[in-house]
C-alpha cells in the first residue's frame, strides 16, 4: 500500500484520523492524564498543626520523570474567629513556602481569614481556589493530600464542606470540594 502525503490545506479537521506510532514535532505541553477526587462529606478539626482532610487527596503516576503535575484545588471551607491555612502535601508541593517575613513564614497554599461582615458567617462557607505546578521527577505514584490548620493554638473549628451552623435548615448549605491532578508532558 502506498503512503500518501496529506497536505494541510486538504485535510478536513472534522474527520477522524487513526494514528499509530509516535507523533513528533508537536512540542511539549501535552496533557497525558487527568485524575480528580470529589469530596461531598464534611470534615472538622481544631488542630493548630497541619492535618489531612480525609477524603480529599488524589493519586497520580507520572509516565515520565520530565512530566509536570498541575494540581488544582477547589475547597469550600469556613472557620470561626481565626485564620485557616491550607496546603497540598505530596511530590514537591509541600516545598512551596512563602518568603520569611520576620517569623511569619507559612507553608500555606491558601490562607482563609476570618469571615466577618456582609453575610451571616455562621451559615456560609467561602470557596478557596488555587493551583500549583509540581515537578516531581519520578515515575512512582504520588499522592497529593489537602491539609489544613488553624493559625493559633486556641481551639478554633475549621469546617470543610459546611458552615459553622450545620442545622437542617433551608438557609444552611452543604458543599463540595475537589482536587485534580493533571500530568503535562514536557
Foldseek 3Di string as FASTA:
>chain_A
DDDDDDDPVPDDPVDDDDDDDDDPPPDFFDWDDKDKFKDQDKDKDQAQDKDFGPRAKTKDFAPALQKKKKKKKKWWKAKAPFKKFKFKDKQCRQVCWDDDDPPPIDSGQDMGGHDDDDDDQQQGTDIDIGIDMHNRSHRDMMMITMIMHTNDNDGMMMMTQFGNDPDPDPSHGGGMMMMMMIITGD
